[in-house]
Structure formats: structure tokens, C-alpha cells
C-alpha atoms as a PDB file:
ATOM      1  CA  MET A   1     -28.051 -33.813 -44.607  1.00  0.00           C
ATOM      2  CA  ALA A   2     -29.624 -30.397 -44.069  1.00  0.00           C
ATOM      3  CA  GLU A   3     -31.754 -31.754 -41.211  1.00  0.00           C
ATOM      4  CA  GLU A   4     -28.650 -33.366 -39.732  1.00  0.00           C
ATOM      5  CA  GLY A   5     -26.853 -29.999 -39.750  1.00  0.00           C
ATOM      6  CA  LYS A   6     -29.748 -28.321 -37.974  1.00  0.00           C
ATOM      7  CA  LEU A   7     -29.685 -30.998 -35.250  1.00  0.00           C
ATOM      8  CA  ARG A   8     -26.009 -30.381 -34.657  1.00  0.00           C
ATOM      9  CA  LYS A   9     -26.440 -26.627 -34.411  1.00  0.00           C
ATOM     10  CA  GLN A  10     -29.351 -26.877 -31.988  1.00  0.00           C
ATOM     11  CA  GLU A  11     -29.234 -28.457 -28.555  1.00  0.00           C
ATOM     12  CA  ILE A  12     -30.670 -31.960 -28.868  1.00  0.00           C
ATOM     13  CA  THR A  13     -33.274 -32.729 -26.204  1.00  0.00           C
ATOM     14  CA  GLU A  14     -35.228 -35.651 -27.703  1.00  0.00           C
ATOM     15  CA  CYS A  15     -34.756 -38.484 -30.168  1.00  0.00           C
ATOM     16  CA  PRO A  16     -36.036 -37.685 -33.703  1.00  0.00           C
ATOM     17  CA  GLU A  17     -36.885 -41.377 -34.235  1.00  0.00           C
ATOM     18  CA  CYS A  18     -38.900 -42.370 -31.167  1.00  0.00           C
ATOM     19  CA  GLY A  19     -39.315 -39.045 -29.355  1.00  0.00           C
ATOM     20  CA  SER A  20     -37.589 -40.286 -26.208  1.00  0.00           C
ATOM     21  CA  ARG A  21     -35.831 -37.758 -23.982  1.00  0.00           C
ATOM     22  CA  ASP A  22     -33.635 -40.401 -22.378  1.00  0.00           C
ATOM     23  CA  LEU A  23     -30.378 -39.491 -24.130  1.00  0.00           C
ATOM     24  CA  TYR A  24     -26.846 -40.110 -22.948  1.00  0.00           C
ATOM     25  CA  ARG A  25     -23.526 -38.763 -24.115  1.00  0.00           C
ATOM     26  CA  ASP A  26     -20.711 -41.206 -24.830  1.00  0.00           C
ATOM     27  CA  GLU A  27     -17.547 -39.207 -24.209  1.00  0.00           C
ATOM     28  CA  ASP A  28     -15.199 -41.977 -25.399  1.00  0.00           C
ATOM     29  CA  ARG A  29     -16.849 -42.341 -28.809  1.00  0.00           C
ATOM     30  CA  GLY A  30     -17.970 -38.722 -29.158  1.00  0.00           C
ATOM     31  CA  GLU A  31     -21.618 -39.662 -29.720  1.00  0.00           C
ATOM     32  CA  VAL A  32     -25.077 -38.824 -28.421  1.00  0.00           C
ATOM     33  CA  VAL A  33     -27.176 -41.993 -28.279  1.00  0.00           C
ATOM     34  CA  CYS A  34     -30.879 -42.565 -27.579  1.00  0.00           C
ATOM     35  CA  ALA A  35     -31.354 -45.028 -24.713  1.00  0.00           C
ATOM     36  CA  GLY A  36     -34.813 -45.990 -26.005  1.00  0.00           C
ATOM     37  CA  CYS A  37     -34.170 -47.108 -29.580  1.00  0.00           C
ATOM     38  CA  GLY A  38     -30.364 -46.973 -29.766  1.00  0.00           C
ATOM     39  CA  LEU A  39     -30.255 -44.351 -32.530  1.00  0.00           C
ATOM     40  CA  VAL A  40     -26.949 -42.478 -32.780  1.00  0.00           C
ATOM     41  CA  ILE A  41     -28.216 -38.912 -32.940  1.00  0.00           C
ATOM     42  CA  GLU A  42     -24.860 -37.157 -33.129  1.00  0.00           C
ATOM     43  CA  GLU A  43     -21.371 -38.465 -33.837  1.00  0.00           C
ATOM     44  CA  SER A  44     -17.820 -37.198 -34.294  1.00  0.00           C
ATOM     45  CA  MET A  45     -18.333 -34.622 -31.571  1.00  0.00           C
ATOM     46  CA  VAL A  46     -15.454 -32.267 -30.849  1.00  0.00           C
ATOM     47  CA  ASP A  47     -13.896 -32.811 -27.438  1.00  0.00           C
ATOM     48  CA  THR A  48     -13.228 -29.362 -25.957  1.00  0.00           C
ATOM     49  CA  SER A  49     -11.663 -30.619 -22.728  1.00  0.00           C
ATOM     50  CA  GLN A  50      -7.918 -30.689 -22.070  1.00  0.00           C
ATOM     51  CA  GLU A  51      -5.945 -33.399 -23.833  1.00  0.00           C
ATOM     52  CA  TRP A  52      -3.494 -33.931 -20.960  1.00  0.00           C
ATOM     53  CA  ARG A  53      -3.739 -35.026 -17.358  1.00  0.00           C
ATOM     54  CA  GLU A  54      -2.343 -33.498 -14.207  1.00  0.00           C
ATOM     55  CA  PHE A  55      -1.631 -35.176 -10.893  1.00  0.00           C
ATOM     56  CA  ASP A  56      -0.145 -32.322  -8.855  1.00  0.00           C
ATOM     57  CA  HIS A  57       0.313 -28.557  -8.969  1.00  0.00           C
ATOM     58  CA  GLU A  58       3.781 -28.799 -10.517  1.00  0.00           C
ATOM     59  CA  GLN A  59       2.538 -30.837 -13.489  1.00  0.00           C
ATOM     60  CA  ALA A  60      -0.400 -28.479 -13.929  1.00  0.00           C
ATOM     61  CA  SER A  61       1.832 -25.384 -14.032  1.00  0.00           C
ATOM     62  CA  LYS A  62       4.118 -27.022 -16.616  1.00  0.00           C
ATOM     63  CA  ARG A  63       1.413 -28.370 -18.928  1.00  0.00           C
ATOM     64  CA  ARG A  64      -1.114 -25.533 -18.925  1.00  0.00           C
ATOM     65  CA  ARG A  65      -0.749 -23.181 -21.856  1.00  0.00           C
ATOM     66  CA  THR A  66      -2.843 -20.326 -20.510  1.00  0.00           C
ATOM     67  CA  GLY A  67      -1.894 -17.667 -18.018  1.00  0.00           C
ATOM     68  CA  ALA A  68      -3.700 -16.253 -15.050  1.00  0.00           C
ATOM     69  CA  PRO A  69      -7.129 -14.658 -15.666  1.00  0.00           C
ATOM     70  CA  LEU A  70      -7.413 -10.916 -16.203  1.00  0.00           C
ATOM     71  CA  SER A  71      -7.733  -9.009 -12.960  1.00  0.00           C
ATOM     72  CA  ALA A  72      -8.730  -5.394 -12.412  1.00  0.00           C
ATOM     73  CA  ALA A  73      -6.851  -5.493  -9.099  1.00  0.00           C
ATOM     74  CA  ARG A  74      -3.525  -5.500 -10.961  1.00  0.00           C
ATOM     75  CA  HIS A  75      -2.304  -2.260 -12.485  1.00  0.00           C
ATOM     76  CA  ASP A  76      -1.645  -3.926 -15.862  1.00  0.00           C
ATOM     77  CA  ARG A  77      -4.611  -6.352 -15.610  1.00  0.00           C
ATOM     78  CA  GLY A  78      -2.005  -9.138 -15.803  1.00  0.00           C
ATOM     79  CA  LEU A  79      -0.986  -8.469 -19.429  1.00  0.00           C
ATOM     80  CA  THR A  80       2.367  -6.670 -19.088  1.00  0.00           C
ATOM     81  CA  THR A  81       5.477  -8.472 -20.342  1.00  0.00           C
ATOM     82  CA  ASP A  82       8.796  -7.754 -18.643  1.00  0.00           C
ATOM     83  CA  ILE A  83      12.136  -7.995 -20.430  1.00  0.00           C
ATOM     84  CA  GLY A  84      13.864 -10.689 -18.443  1.00  0.00           C
ATOM     85  CA  LYS A  85      12.835 -11.818 -14.988  1.00  0.00           C
ATOM     86  CA  GLY A  86      16.043 -10.544 -13.465  1.00  0.00           C
ATOM     87  CA  ILE A  87      19.666  -9.620 -14.055  1.00  0.00           C
ATOM     88  CA  SER A  88      20.811 -13.165 -13.289  1.00  0.00           C
ATOM     89  CA  GLU A  89      18.620 -14.544 -16.092  1.00  0.00           C
ATOM     90  CA  ILE A  90      20.044 -12.050 -18.599  1.00  0.00           C
ATOM     91  CA  TYR A  91      23.616 -12.943 -17.663  1.00  0.00           C
ATOM     92  CA  SER A  92      22.968 -16.683 -17.813  1.00  0.00           C
ATOM     93  CA  ALA A  93      20.881 -16.783 -21.018  1.00  0.00           C
ATOM     94  CA  LEU A  94      22.537 -14.147 -23.236  1.00  0.00           C
ATOM     95  CA  PRO A  95      26.008 -13.822 -24.707  1.00  0.00           C
ATOM     96  CA  ALA A  96      28.251 -10.979 -23.589  1.00  0.00           C
ATOM     97  CA  GLY A  97      27.561  -8.890 -26.712  1.00  0.00           C
ATOM     98  CA  LYS A  98      23.799  -8.794 -26.119  1.00  0.00           C
ATOM     99  CA  ARG A  99      23.729  -8.120 -22.378  1.00  0.00           C
ATOM    100  CA  ALA A 100      24.255  -4.372 -22.595  1.00  0.00           C
ATOM    101  CA  GLN A 101      21.469  -4.048 -25.170  1.00  0.00           C
ATOM    102  CA  TYR A 102      18.978  -5.924 -23.016  1.00  0.00           C
ATOM    103  CA  MET A 103      19.990  -3.940 -19.927  1.00  0.00           C
ATOM    104  CA  ARG A 104      19.203  -0.717 -21.823  1.00  0.00           C
ATOM    105  CA  LEU A 105      15.843  -2.160 -22.893  1.00  0.00           C
ATOM    106  CA  ARG A 106      15.003  -3.012 -19.285  1.00  0.00           C
ATOM    107  CA  LYS A 107      15.961   0.500 -18.182  1.00  0.00           C
ATOM    108  CA  TRP A 108      13.784   2.209 -20.809  1.00  0.00           C
ATOM    109  CA  GLN A 109      10.892  -0.123 -20.112  1.00  0.00           C
ATOM    110  CA  SER A 110      10.930   0.928 -16.460  1.00  0.00           C
ATOM    111  CA  ARG A 111      11.106   4.610 -17.444  1.00  0.00           C
ATOM    112  CA  MET A 112       8.326   4.590 -20.057  1.00  0.00           C
ATOM    113  CA  VAL A 113       5.499   4.453 -17.528  1.00  0.00           C
ATOM    114  CA  SER A 114       2.607   6.927 -17.575  1.00  0.00           C
ATOM    115  CA  ALA A 115       1.460   8.848 -14.524  1.00  0.00           C
ATOM    116  CA  THR A 116      -1.823   6.915 -14.503  1.00  0.00           C
ATOM    117  CA  GLU A 117      -0.001   3.592 -14.449  1.00  0.00           C
ATOM    118  CA  ARG A 118       2.220   4.756 -11.584  1.00  0.00           C
ATOM    119  CA  ASN A 119      -0.895   5.886  -9.717  1.00  0.00           C
ATOM    120  CA  LEU A 120      -2.609   2.527 -10.241  1.00  0.00           C
ATOM    121  CA  ARG A 121       0.515   0.590  -9.308  1.00  0.00           C
ATOM    122  CA  PHE A 122       0.797   2.320  -5.942  1.00  0.00           C
ATOM    123  CA  ALA A 123      -2.948   2.421  -5.164  1.00  0.00           C
ATOM    124  CA  LEU A 124      -3.627  -1.223  -6.058  1.00  0.00           C
ATOM    125  CA  SER A 125      -0.636  -2.406  -4.050  1.00  0.00           C
ATOM    126  CA  GLU A 126      -2.160  -0.565  -1.081  1.00  0.00           C
ATOM    127  CA  LEU A 127      -5.505  -2.221  -1.848  1.00  0.00           C
ATOM    128  CA  LYS A 128      -3.830  -5.630  -1.764  1.00  0.00           C
ATOM    129  CA  ARG A 129      -2.440  -4.831   1.671  1.00  0.00           C
ATOM    130  CA  TYR A 130      -5.812  -3.576   2.973  1.00  0.00           C
ATOM    131  CA  SER A 131      -7.729  -6.639   1.749  1.00  0.00           C
ATOM    132  CA  SER A 132      -5.110  -9.006   3.159  1.00  0.00           C
ATOM    133  CA  TYR A 133      -5.222  -7.328   6.572  1.00  0.00           C
ATOM    134  CA  LEU A 134      -9.047  -7.260   6.656  1.00  0.00           C
ATOM    135  CA  ASN A 135      -9.317 -10.814   5.252  1.00  0.00           C
ATOM    136  CA  LEU A 136     -11.594  -9.772   2.384  1.00  0.00           C
ATOM    137  CA  PRO A 137     -12.599 -12.032  -0.542  1.00  0.00           C
ATOM    138  CA  THR A 138     -11.407 -11.527  -4.112  1.00  0.00           C
ATOM    139  CA  ASN A 139     -14.703 -10.163  -5.429  1.00  0.00           C
ATOM    140  CA  ILE A 140     -14.559  -7.191  -3.042  1.00  0.00           C
ATOM    141  CA  GLU A 141     -10.977  -6.497  -4.090  1.00  0.00           C
ATOM    142  CA  GLU A 142     -11.980  -6.587  -7.765  1.00  0.00           C
ATOM    143  CA  THR A 143     -14.967  -4.274  -7.187  1.00  0.00           C
ATOM    144  CA  THR A 144     -12.777  -1.808  -5.305  1.00  0.00           C
ATOM    145  CA  ALA A 145     -10.231  -1.795  -8.141  1.00  0.00           C
ATOM    146  CA  ILE A 146     -12.979  -1.147 -10.716  1.00  0.00           C
ATOM    147  CA  LEU A 147     -14.364   1.766  -8.673  1.00  0.00           C
ATOM    148  CA  TYR A 148     -10.895   3.261  -8.284  1.00  0.00           C
ATOM    149  CA  ARG A 149     -10.176   2.915 -12.019  1.00  0.00           C
ATOM    150  CA  LYS A 150     -13.413   4.790 -12.767  1.00  0.00           C
ATOM    151  CA  ALA A 151     -12.404   7.506 -10.315  1.00  0.00           C
ATOM    152  CA  VAL A 152      -8.979   7.844 -11.979  1.00  0.00           C
ATOM    153  CA  SER A 153     -10.476   7.985 -15.485  1.00  0.00           C
ATOM    154  CA  LYS A 154     -12.852  10.773 -14.402  1.00  0.00           C
ATOM    155  CA  GLY A 155     -10.099  12.722 -12.629  1.00  0.00           C
ATOM    156  CA  LEU A 156     -11.648  12.345  -9.177  1.00  0.00           C
ATOM    157  CA  VAL A 157      -8.327  11.539  -7.501  1.00  0.00           C
ATOM    158  CA  ARG A 158      -6.737  14.905  -8.233  1.00  0.00           C
ATOM    159  CA  GLY A 159      -6.297  16.985  -5.117  1.00  0.00           C
ATOM    160  CA  ARG A 160      -6.961  13.995  -2.848  1.00  0.00           C
ATOM    161  CA  SER A 161      -4.681  11.405  -1.359  1.00  0.00           C
ATOM    162  CA  MET A 162      -4.698   8.034  -3.051  1.00  0.00           C
ATOM    163  CA  GLU A 163      -4.982   6.305   0.317  1.00  0.00           C
ATOM    164  CA  SER A 164      -8.235   8.057   1.215  1.00  0.00           C
ATOM    165  CA  VAL A 165      -9.812   7.404  -2.205  1.00  0.00           C
ATOM    166  CA  ILE A 166      -8.873   3.713  -2.235  1.00  0.00           C
ATOM    167  CA  ALA A 167     -10.123   3.383   1.364  1.00  0.00           C
ATOM    168  CA  GLY A 168     -13.425   5.047   0.426  1.00  0.00           C
ATOM    169  CA  ALA A 169     -13.803   2.753  -2.594  1.00  0.00           C
ATOM    170  CA  LEU A 170     -13.072  -0.261  -0.372  1.00  0.00           C
ATOM    171  CA  TYR A 171     -15.746   0.836   2.103  1.00  0.00           C
ATOM    172  CA  ALA A 172     -18.251   1.174  -0.749  1.00  0.00           C
ATOM    173  CA  ALA A 173     -17.357  -2.253  -2.181  1.00  0.00           C
ATOM    174  CA  CYS A 174     -17.763  -3.911   1.224  1.00  0.00           C
ATOM    175  CA  ARG A 175     -21.222  -2.416   1.631  1.00  0.00           C
ATOM    176  CA  ARG A 176     -22.216  -3.360  -1.921  1.00  0.00           C
ATOM    177  CA  HIS A 177     -21.337  -7.029  -1.327  1.00  0.00           C
ATOM    178  CA  ASN A 178     -23.035  -7.135   2.108  1.00  0.00           C
ATOM    179  CA  THR A 179     -19.691  -7.770   3.817  1.00  0.00           C
ATOM    180  CA  PRO A 180     -19.460  -4.514   5.729  1.00  0.00           C
ATOM    181  CA  ARG A 181     -16.373  -3.300   7.524  1.00  0.00           C
ATOM    182  CA  THR A 182     -16.542  -0.420   9.938  1.00  0.00           C
ATOM    183  CA  LEU A 183     -14.821   2.886   9.272  1.00  0.00           C
ATOM    184  CA  GLU A 184     -12.656   2.233  12.336  1.00  0.00           C
ATOM    185  CA  GLU A 185     -11.296  -0.995  10.843  1.00  0.00           C
ATOM    186  CA  ILE A 186     -10.490   0.578   7.477  1.00  0.00           C
ATOM    187  CA  ALA A 187      -8.982   3.644   9.173  1.00  0.00           C
ATOM    188  CA  GLU A 188      -6.758   1.417  11.286  1.00  0.00           C
ATOM    189  CA  VAL A 189      -5.258  -0.419   8.329  1.00  0.00           C
ATOM    190  CA  SER A 190      -5.077   2.550   5.941  1.00  0.00           C
ATOM    191  CA  LYS A 191      -3.754   5.110   8.463  1.00  0.00           C
ATOM    192  CA  VAL A 192      -6.377   7.554   7.138  1.00  0.00           C
ATOM    193  CA  SER A 193      -8.813   9.250   9.488  1.00  0.00           C
ATOM    194  CA  LYS A 194     -12.450   8.190   9.614  1.00  0.00           C
ATOM    195  CA  ARG A 195     -13.477  11.670   8.535  1.00  0.00           C
ATOM    196  CA  ASP A 196     -11.380  11.540   5.341  1.00  0.00           C
ATOM    197  CA  ILE A 197     -12.603   8.037   4.473  1.00  0.00           C
ATOM    198  CA  GLY A 198     -16.235   9.030   4.934  1.00  0.00           C
ATOM    199  CA  ARG A 199     -15.715  12.180   2.884  1.00  0.00           C
ATOM    200  CA  ALA A 200     -14.051  10.202   0.051  1.00  0.00           C
ATOM    201  CA  TYR A 201     -16.824   7.588   0.143  1.00  0.00           C
ATOM    202  CA  ARG A 202     -19.584  10.183  -0.143  1.00  0.00           C
ATOM    203  CA  TYR A 203     -17.726  11.961  -2.950  1.00  0.00           C
ATOM    204  CA  LEU A 204     -17.292   8.733  -4.943  1.00  0.00           C
ATOM    205  CA  ALA A 205     -20.904   7.733  -4.384  1.00  0.00           C
ATOM    206  CA  ARG A 206     -22.094  11.110  -5.660  1.00  0.00           C
ATOM    207  CA  GLU A 207     -19.769  11.413  -8.664  1.00  0.00           C
ATOM    208  CA  LEU A 208     -19.966   7.763  -9.790  1.00  0.00           C
ATOM    209  CA  GLY A 209     -23.693   7.434  -9.158  1.00  0.00           C
ATOM    210  CA  LEU A 210     -23.364   4.565  -6.700  1.00  0.00           C
ATOM    211  CA  ARG A 211     -26.613   3.341  -5.216  1.00  0.00           C
ATOM    212  CA  ILE A 212     -25.726   1.523  -2.028  1.00  0.00           C
ATOM    213  CA  LEU A 213     -28.384   0.595   0.509  1.00  0.00           C
ATOM    214  CA  PRO A 214     -27.765   1.326   4.184  1.00  0.00           C
ATOM    215  CA  THR A 215     -25.936  -1.380   6.090  1.00  0.00           C
ATOM    216  CA  LYS A 216     -28.156  -3.736   8.073  1.00  0.00           C
ATOM    217  CA  PRO A 217     -27.265  -4.808  11.623  1.00  0.00           C
ATOM    218  CA  GLU A 218     -27.659  -8.493  10.744  1.00  0.00           C
ATOM    219  CA  ASP A 219     -24.801  -8.174   8.232  1.00  0.00           C
ATOM    220  CA  TYR A 220     -22.392  -7.715  11.158  1.00  0.00           C
ATOM    221  CA  ILE A 221     -23.728 -10.594  13.251  1.00  0.00           C
ATOM    222  CA  PRO A 222     -21.758 -13.530  11.693  1.00  0.00           C
ATOM    223  CA  ARG A 223     -18.390 -11.744  11.864  1.00  0.00           C
ATOM    224  CA  PHE A 224     -18.839 -10.413  15.395  1.00  0.00           C
ATOM    225  CA  ALA A 225     -20.111 -13.795  16.601  1.00  0.00           C
ATOM    226  CA  SER A 226     -17.180 -15.584  14.987  1.00  0.00           C
ATOM    227  CA  GLU A 227     -14.664 -13.298  16.689  1.00  0.00           C
ATOM    228  CA  LEU A 228     -16.432 -13.792  20.019  1.00  0.00           C
ATOM    229  CA  GLY A 229     -16.602 -17.573  19.581  1.00  0.00           C
ATOM    230  CA  LEU A 230     -20.415 -17.722  19.788  1.00  0.00           C
ATOM    231  CA  SER A 231     -22.508 -20.542  18.398  1.00  0.00           C
ATOM    232  CA  GLY A 232     -25.081 -20.491  15.613  1.00  0.00           C
ATOM    233  CA  GLU A 233     -27.885 -20.530  18.164  1.00  0.00           C
ATOM    234  CA  VAL A 234     -26.709 -17.194  19.538  1.00  0.00           C
ATOM    235  CA  GLN A 235     -26.554 -15.764  16.001  1.00  0.00           C
ATOM    236  CA  ALA A 236     -30.086 -16.961  15.224  1.00  0.00           C
ATOM    237  CA  THR A 237     -31.367 -15.455  18.486  1.00  0.00           C
ATOM    238  CA  ALA A 238     -29.651 -12.135  17.754  1.00  0.00           C
ATOM    239  CA  ILE A 239     -31.137 -11.979  14.251  1.00  0.00           C
ATOM    240  CA  GLU A 240     -34.585 -12.744  15.671  1.00  0.00           C
ATOM    241  CA  ILE A 241     -34.219  -9.847  18.135  1.00  0.00           C
ATOM    242  CA  ILE A 242     -33.191  -7.552  15.254  1.00  0.00           C
ATOM    243  CA  LYS A 243     -36.292  -8.574  13.275  1.00  0.00           C
ATOM    244  CA  GLN A 244     -38.518  -7.788  16.265  1.00  0.00           C
ATOM    245  CA  ALA A 245     -36.775  -4.437  16.686  1.00  0.00           C
ATOM    246  CA  GLU A 246     -37.329  -3.614  13.005  1.00  0.00           C
ATOM    247  CA  ALA A 247     -41.012  -4.469  13.332  1.00  0.00           C
ATOM    248  CA  ASN A 248     -41.285  -2.070  16.295  1.00  0.00           C
ATOM    249  CA  GLU A 249     -39.234   0.658  14.527  1.00  0.00           C
ATOM    250  CA  LEU A 250     -36.449   0.653  17.105  1.00  0.00           C
ATOM    251  CA  ILE A 251     -33.543   0.581  14.612  1.00  0.00           C
ATOM    252  CA  SER A 252     -34.131   3.674  12.487  1.00  0.00           C
ATOM    253  CA  GLY A 253     -31.669   6.445  13.270  1.00  0.00           C
ATOM    254  CA  LYS A 254     -29.272   4.230  15.193  1.00  0.00           C
ATOM    255  CA  GLY A 255     -25.888   2.863  14.140  1.00  0.00           C
ATOM    256  CA  PRO A 256     -25.992  -0.706  12.800  1.00  0.00           C
ATOM    257  CA  THR A 257     -22.850  -1.759  14.685  1.00  0.00           C
ATOM    258  CA  GLY A 258     -24.337  -0.651  17.999  1.00  0.00           C
ATOM    259  CA  ILE A 259     -27.557  -2.565  17.326  1.00  0.00           C
ATOM    260  CA  ALA A 260     -25.614  -5.678  16.259  1.00  0.00           C
ATOM    261  CA  ALA A 261     -23.411  -5.503  19.369  1.00  0.00           C
ATOM    262  CA  ALA A 262     -26.389  -5.041  21.712  1.00  0.00           C
ATOM    263  CA  THR A 263     -28.411  -7.884  20.209  1.00  0.00           C
ATOM    264  CA  LEU A 264     -25.402 -10.213  20.318  1.00  0.00           C
ATOM    265  CA  TYR A 265     -24.847  -9.358  23.962  1.00  0.00           C
ATOM    266  CA  LEU A 266     -28.515 -10.006  24.801  1.00  0.00           C
ATOM    267  CA  ALA A 267     -28.559 -13.233  22.779  1.00  0.00           C
ATOM    268  CA  SER A 268     -25.446 -14.506  24.556  1.00  0.00           C
ATOM    269  CA  GLN A 269     -27.137 -13.882  27.899  1.00  0.00           C
ATOM    270  CA  ILE A 270     -30.363 -15.596  26.803  1.00  0.00           C
ATOM    271  CA  VAL A 271     -28.699 -18.705  25.351  1.00  0.00           C
ATOM    272  CA  GLY A 272     -26.207 -19.015  28.184  1.00  0.00           C
ATOM    273  CA  GLU A 273     -22.950 -18.321  26.330  1.00  0.00           C
ATOM    274  CA  ARG A 274     -22.199 -15.217  28.350  1.00  0.00           C
ATOM    275  CA  ARG A 275     -19.897 -12.509  27.049  1.00  0.00           C
ATOM    276  CA  THR A 276     -19.164  -9.270  28.852  1.00  0.00           C
ATOM    277  CA  GLN A 277     -20.081  -5.880  27.459  1.00  0.00           C
ATOM    278  CA  ARG A 278     -16.409  -5.017  27.238  1.00  0.00           C
ATOM    279  CA  GLN A 279     -15.648  -8.069  25.080  1.00  0.00           C
ATOM    280  CA  VAL A 280     -18.516  -7.289  22.695  1.00  0.00           C
ATOM    281  CA  ALA A 281     -17.598  -3.586  22.567  1.00  0.00           C
ATOM    282  CA  GLU A 282     -13.972  -4.331  21.633  1.00  0.00           C
ATOM    283  CA  VAL A 283     -15.016  -6.596  18.771  1.00  0.00           C
ATOM    284  CA  ALA A 284     -17.758  -4.276  17.441  1.00  0.00           C
ATOM    285  CA  GLY A 285     -15.749  -1.075  17.815  1.00  0.00           C
ATOM    286  CA  VAL A 286     -18.363   0.692  19.949  1.00  0.00           C
ATOM    287  CA  THR A 287     -18.425   1.842  23.552  1.00  0.00           C
ATOM    288  CA  GLU A 288     -19.942  -0.038  26.475  1.00  0.00           C
ATOM    289  CA  VAL A 289     -22.286   2.907  27.067  1.00  0.00           C
ATOM    290  CA  THR A 290     -23.732   2.445  23.563  1.00  0.00           C
ATOM    291  CA  ILE A 291     -24.364  -1.255  24.244  1.00  0.00           C
ATOM    292  CA  ARG A 292     -26.058  -0.488  27.549  1.00  0.00           C
ATOM    293  CA  ASN A 293     -28.309   2.170  26.031  1.00  0.00           C
ATOM    294  CA  ARG A 294     -29.347  -0.085  23.117  1.00  0.00           C
ATOM    295  CA  CYS A 295     -29.955  -3.014  25.466  1.00  0.00           C
ATOM    296  CA  LYS A 296     -32.123  -0.863  27.727  1.00  0.00           C
ATOM    297  CA  ASP A 297     -34.316   0.225  24.790  1.00  0.00           C
ATOM    298  CA  LEU A 298     -34.634  -3.312  23.442  1.00  0.00           C
ATOM    299  CA  ILE A 299     -35.494  -4.872  26.813  1.00  0.00           C
ATOM    300  CA  GLU A 300     -38.110  -2.235  27.644  1.00  0.00           C
ATOM    301  CA  ARG A 301     -39.799  -2.099  24.231  1.00  0.00           C
ATOM    302  CA  LEU A 302     -39.615  -5.795  23.334  1.00  0.00           C
ATOM    303  CA  THR A 303     -40.160  -7.179  26.848  1.00  0.00           C
ATOM    304  CA  LEU A 304     -37.225  -9.566  26.569  1.00  0.00           C
ATOM    305  CA  GLU A 305     -36.577 -11.959  29.407  1.00  0.00           C
ATOM    306  CA  VAL A 306     -32.855 -11.712  29.956  1.00  0.00           C
ATOM    307  CA  PRO A 307     -31.427 -13.658  32.924  1.00  0.00           C
ATOM    308  CA  SER A 308     -29.418 -11.483  35.279  1.00  0.00           C
ATOM    309  CA  GLY A 309     -25.716 -12.215  35.279  1.00  0.00           C
ATOM    310  CA  ARG A 310     -24.924 -10.206  38.363  1.00  0.00           C
ATOM    311  CA  ARG A 311     -24.001 -11.994  41.501  1.00  0.00           C
ATOM    312  CA  GLY A 312     -24.994 -10.634  44.877  1.00  0.00           C
ATOM    313  CA  ARG A 313     -22.210  -8.780  46.539  1.00  0.00           C
ATOM    314  CA  ARG A 314     -21.411  -9.551  50.107  1.00  0.00           C
ATOM    315  CA  ARG A 315     -21.839  -6.625  52.349  1.00  0.00           C
ATOM    316  CA  ARG A 316     -19.029  -5.795  54.644  1.00  0.00           C
ATOM    317  CA  LYS A 317     -19.854  -6.123  58.268  1.00  0.00           C
ATOM    318  CA  ARG A 318     -19.674  -2.940  60.173  1.00  0.00           C
ATOM    319  CA  GLU A 319     -17.534  -3.164  63.138  1.00  0.00           C
END
């Protein structure tokens, strides 16, 4: 019996009778059986799966007994309980003698909110709007919320606008998850200047000890190519040009968005899916002059063969 208890505690990988590793689990009977000799190694197993079935979202929401997972992107982490979902529910569910009492409870619940909670409620609602506008995944939103909570707990938000701090934390989270967004994009959605966002980002990185590597040009390639409607072949060609430029030390000291825009433009010309410099500049948030300068350096130093897209202009006949 003691040996049997040890087998149940440990993960069973082979049959104790014949030494075979060909084991299968019978979910209906709750047993682990050896396929070689037929020995029942474990029985009366506890089924930890759900005991009910669901066929649509409505049935799932009615039968599940757990709530949403905890989220740092919500000011209460999803644990706050409200007294009544609304005035209509109080009037329909309670007798007349209890309505005034519950209305007073609702009023005091709304008043008994700390300054930190009010700060988080406003800042995280702004974060939700930023991430929705920029089409960011949930993990970046969660990381931004965690960074902002750390900044609030250390008193780093005092004397600074909440919008600039949350925008700086969002910029840091995007770079940490290799899904970079330019300062221009975050400034556009947050209505905070690029200078304030950069200042808040550097302050958070210094005070919170964030170690974030510089953004690489290839991190921008998939997003820019998707917005320009370019194929995977153009993306692969652009990344290959970036690798050659890194090997020849042509990237150091230059902005990653400018390098990404220039290599995408060159790759589109090489593959044949032509895009104008203006189209690439609008998507990347750089100027056409920057693209031309980067393209000139890359073509001269890497000896790229880029087909000319200029058509000969007809000269006007002199009368």
C-alpha cells in the first residue's frame, strides 16, 4: 500500500510490472493502464475537468462559476463589487422600505475612493483608449499598467501629468515586447508632445531601473509593410538589406524608423512592388529627405542594384 501511494504521488512513466513505457490514460474509467501487460497502474483518478458542457457563449456564461481573470489594466484588478448594477435593478428587486438604504450605500461607496484609486481609474481608462487606437495586444497593455502602478507606488507621478507618464510607460512596454510604436504615433493619440513623452520615458527608465535594448529597424518592417500592402518577399528583402547594413556598420547613430523606411523602399523597387517615397514616408512618420539620404548611403556602400523607376521626360520642342 505504501508503494502504491508513492506511485500516485509521483508521475508514472513506466509500468512497474513489465517496465513498458507504453501507457494510456482511460478518461472514462479514471485509470492508467499498461498497453504491454494490461496492468492497471492507477485507478479512481480524480477528474479535474468541468462537469458540464457548453455549446455556445450564452450557455458558457450561465454555467461557468468563475469570473474574469485578474488584470493589472483595471484599477481594481477586477475584484471590486458594486452595490446594485443600476437604479432600475434596485427599484425592481427591493421593497420600498429598503430602497433608500441601498441608495445611501451606493452613494457612500462612490465617495469612499482613495486618491490613488481615482488616479488609477483615470490613467488606466486612458491606457485602454491608447491601446485600442494603436491596436496593441493585451500583454503590452498589462505591462504598461504594471509599470504605471510601480510609478504611482513610488510617487513618480507627482508633479507630472498622468497622460505623459502613461504614454511614457506605454512607449517602454512597446519596446520591451519588440512591438515598437513611434513617438509620433503615441503623441498623436495621447495629445502629449513628443518631448514630454520622451522625458517621461527616460525618467521612468531611470527611476524604475528598466533595461530596454535599443529598437531595431527590422522590428518596424512587418507593420510598415502591412500598411503599405507589400508581400512577404519584400519584407524578407528589406531584412536582408538591414543585415548587410549592420555588417557594414551603416546603422549605428541613425534612427531605426528611417532605416526601416529606406530599406522597405529599396526592397519594393527591387522586387517590383513599387511604392513612392511619399507613401513610405507617410506610413513610417519620417520625411522624404530622410529616405533619400538613407537610400543613397545604402546604395553606395552596399552596391545594391536598384532598377530605376524614372521615366524619360519628353523635351519640349523649341519653336
